[in-house]
Structures are given as C-alpha cells and as structure tokens.
Amino acid sequence: MIDVKEIKKLCCVFSDEDIEEIEIRHGKDSVKVVMEDFKRPKVQAGKTITPETTSISLPQTQKAEEKKQSVFELCSPYIGFFTRINPKTGENYIKLRDVVKKGGIVGHVRVLGVLQDLKVQVDGKVKEILIEEGQPIEYGQPIMRFEIVE
C-alpha cells in the first residue's frame, strides 16, 4: 500500500523541481501524479492559447538584482490553516527579524486535523510574515519572506 505521507513529500519535492509527472508503483498499487505548469501555453483543440503580456523595459540597477536574489519566499506545500504556535510550548516558533537555520521549523499547516511542519530551505532572517495566525492557506501561497544570510 502506498503511504499518503510519501505522496505528500513527493508533491513538495515536485513544487521545487522542474518535473512534470511521476508514477509510483508498489506491488499492485500505482499512483500517477501530474503537475501542471501554469506558465506554459495550453493547447486546446489544435490551437495554442498564449497569455497576453505587455513588456516595458526599465533600466535595472545592480542593487535591484541583488535584492531580488537575497530574498527567499516560503510558499505553502499544503492546503489548510496556518499556525506559527509550537503545540508543545504554546509560543511562536518565530517572530519578525528572527534568524533561522536551514531546515528549521517556522510553523505548521493544519491539514485535516494533522499538523504538517513548515521548514525553511535557507539560512536567513524573517523579513515578512504574510499570513496571520489561524488563516486559511492555499497550495503555493506565499507564507513568509526571508532575507538570505550567507
């Protein structure tokens, strides 16, 4: 039997990689997961539909590029309710301007009554917390922004 937790972990990995589909087989059981790329044009009845875009060229400074690269945005790998409170201590895992280490837990998403850990993928300092305590959250929705510390 294929474990739902394993599928969830693979979906999290899916969101970070450039993989379109994966099939998992375990004995007679088989699960196929397909990720849609919303940035790609969709083909429908032989016609290609491309999103309309308007490009404006503005002079870019090196500081703007450095700033863009020095910020990491943590997005939700789940659908549920966000919490930053540690259930064991009753205190927040993090607050604004806290320094966090890669792999550290910064909160949870409550999915069907089960708390799923939110771990940060970089060393950094909490720059912004975008979701309030107890708010519903969607898959891929930004939760926090971190200033990357090297």
Protein backbone atom coordinates (compact mmCIF):
# COMPACT_ATOMS: atom_id res chain seq x y z
CA MET A 1 0.00 0.00 0.00
CA ILE A 2 1.28 3.45 -0.91
CA ASP A 3 1.53 5.81 2.07
CA VAL A 4 -0.21 9.19 1.74
CA LYS A 5 2.68 10.86 3.60
CA GLU A 6 5.10 9.65 0.93
CA ILE A 7 2.89 11.11 -1.80
CA LYS A 8 2.70 14.44 0.07
CA LYS A 9 6.50 14.54 0.40
CA LEU A 10 6.89 13.87 -3.31
CA CYS A 11 4.42 16.65 -4.11
CA CYS A 12 6.53 19.04 -2.01
CA VAL A 13 9.62 17.99 -3.95
CA PHE A 14 7.60 18.36 -7.15
CA SER A 15 6.90 22.02 -6.45
CA ASP A 16 10.62 22.82 -6.18
CA GLU A 17 11.79 20.82 -9.21
CA ASP A 18 11.13 21.06 -12.93
CA ILE A 19 9.35 17.68 -13.09
CA GLU A 20 6.02 17.38 -14.88
CA GLU A 21 4.83 13.93 -13.84
CA ILE A 22 5.82 10.95 -11.75
CA GLU A 23 4.39 7.46 -11.32
CA ILE A 24 4.85 5.45 -8.12
CA ARG A 25 4.36 1.67 -8.13
CA HIS A 26 4.34 -0.51 -5.06
CA GLY A 27 3.27 -4.07 -5.74
CA LYS A 28 -0.12 -3.96 -7.46
CA ASP A 29 -0.76 -0.36 -6.34
CA SER A 30 0.10 2.52 -8.62
CA VAL A 31 -0.27 6.30 -8.30
CA LYS A 32 0.42 8.81 -11.06
CA VAL A 33 0.86 12.49 -10.13
CA VAL A 34 0.88 15.15 -12.85
CA MET A 35 1.87 18.75 -12.10
CA GLU A 36 0.52 21.40 -14.45
CA ASP A 37 2.77 24.26 -15.39
CA PHE A 38 0.53 27.32 -15.45
CA LYS A 39 3.20 29.40 -17.19
CA ARG A 40 3.12 27.19 -20.29
CA PRO A 41 0.65 27.96 -23.07
CA LYS A 42 -2.20 25.46 -23.07
CA VAL A 43 -3.11 23.60 -26.25
CA GLN A 44 -6.82 23.28 -26.88
CA ALA A 45 -8.36 21.70 -29.99
CA GLY A 46 -5.24 22.33 -32.05
CA LYS A 47 -4.98 26.00 -31.11
CA THR A 48 -2.32 27.47 -28.87
CA ILE A 49 -3.56 29.98 -26.33
CA THR A 50 -0.83 32.27 -25.08
CA PRO A 51 -1.31 34.75 -22.26
CA GLU A 52 -1.20 38.38 -23.30
CA THR A 53 1.76 40.21 -21.88
CA THR A 54 2.97 43.74 -22.13
CA SER A 55 6.65 44.32 -21.65
CA ILE A 56 8.07 47.62 -20.57
CA SER A 57 11.81 47.94 -20.48
CA LEU A 58 13.04 49.84 -17.48
CA PRO A 59 16.64 50.41 -16.54
CA GLN A 60 17.64 47.84 -13.94
CA THR A 61 20.19 48.56 -11.31
CA GLN A 62 22.56 46.04 -9.82
CA LYS A 63 21.10 46.71 -6.36
CA ALA A 64 17.62 45.63 -7.51
CA GLU A 65 19.02 42.36 -8.84
CA GLU A 66 20.99 41.73 -5.64
CA LYS A 67 17.92 42.46 -3.54
CA LYS A 68 15.82 40.06 -5.59
CA GLN A 69 18.38 37.28 -5.13
CA SER A 70 18.78 37.90 -1.41
CA VAL A 71 15.11 37.26 -0.56
CA PHE A 72 13.60 33.78 -0.19
CA GLU A 73 9.83 33.31 -0.20
CA LEU A 74 8.45 30.30 1.69
CA CYS A 75 5.31 29.00 -0.02
CA SER A 76 2.81 26.51 1.36
CA PRO A 77 3.18 22.92 0.18
CA TYR A 78 -0.29 22.18 1.62
CA ILE A 79 -3.88 23.42 1.76
CA GLY A 80 -5.14 24.05 5.29
CA PHE A 81 -4.82 26.53 8.15
CA PHE A 82 -1.55 28.26 9.06
CA THR A 83 -0.16 28.41 12.60
CA ARG A 84 3.22 29.51 13.96
CA ILE A 85 2.48 28.36 17.51
CA ASN A 86 4.51 25.41 18.82
CA PRO A 87 1.88 23.00 20.23
CA LYS A 88 4.31 21.76 22.91
CA THR A 89 5.28 25.17 24.35
CA GLY A 90 2.37 27.38 23.29
CA GLU A 91 4.83 30.00 22.00
CA ASN A 92 5.50 31.17 18.44
CA TYR A 93 8.26 29.34 16.58
CA ILE A 94 9.48 32.62 15.11
CA LYS A 95 8.77 36.32 15.04
CA LEU A 96 9.78 39.18 12.77
CA ARG A 97 13.57 39.68 12.44
CA ASP A 98 14.41 36.26 13.98
CA VAL A 99 17.35 34.43 12.41
CA VAL A 100 16.50 30.90 11.23
CA LYS A 101 18.65 27.99 10.07
CA LYS A 102 18.01 25.85 7.00
CA GLY A 103 15.65 23.00 7.90
CA GLY A 104 14.26 24.81 10.96
CA ILE A 105 10.53 24.61 11.64
CA VAL A 106 8.86 28.01 11.28
CA GLY A 107 5.24 26.93 11.63
CA HIS A 108 2.63 24.36 10.67
CA VAL A 109 -0.24 23.92 8.26
CA ARG A 110 -3.19 22.09 9.79
CA VAL A 111 -4.37 19.63 7.12
CA LEU A 112 -7.46 17.59 8.03
CA GLY A 113 -6.60 17.98 11.72
CA VAL A 114 -2.96 16.95 11.30
CA LEU A 115 -0.13 19.47 11.75
CA GLN A 116 2.32 19.42 8.84
CA ASP A 117 5.71 21.07 9.52
CA LEU A 118 6.81 24.11 7.53
CA LYS A 119 10.59 24.06 7.22
CA VAL A 120 12.69 26.85 5.77
CA GLN A 121 15.07 25.92 2.93
CA VAL A 122 17.67 28.65 3.54
CA ASP A 123 19.57 30.31 6.37
CA GLY A 124 18.04 33.72 6.81
CA LYS A 125 16.31 36.42 8.80
CA VAL A 126 12.50 36.73 8.91
CA LYS A 127 11.70 39.77 6.80
CA GLU A 128 7.92 39.47 6.43
CA ILE A 129 5.14 37.22 7.74
CA LEU A 130 2.40 37.32 5.12
CA ILE A 131 -0.25 35.06 6.72
CA GLU A 132 -1.88 35.71 10.09
CA GLU A 133 -2.31 33.03 12.75
CA GLY A 134 -5.19 30.63 12.01
CA GLN A 135 -5.83 31.92 8.48
CA PRO A 136 -6.72 29.51 5.66
CA ILE A 137 -3.90 28.91 3.21
CA GLU A 138 -3.76 27.56 -0.34
CA TYR A 139 -1.15 25.38 -2.02
CA GLY A 140 1.70 27.55 -3.33
CA GLN A 141 0.56 30.63 -1.40
CA PRO A 142 3.46 32.70 -0.02
CA ILE A 143 3.68 32.49 3.79
CA MET A 144 6.89 34.31 4.75
CA ARG A 145 9.81 36.13 3.20
CA PHE A 146 13.35 35.69 4.47
CA GLU A 147 16.43 37.81 3.91
CA ILE A 148 19.09 35.27 2.97
CA VAL A 149 22.08 35.25 5.32
CA GLU A 150 25.27 33.68 3.98
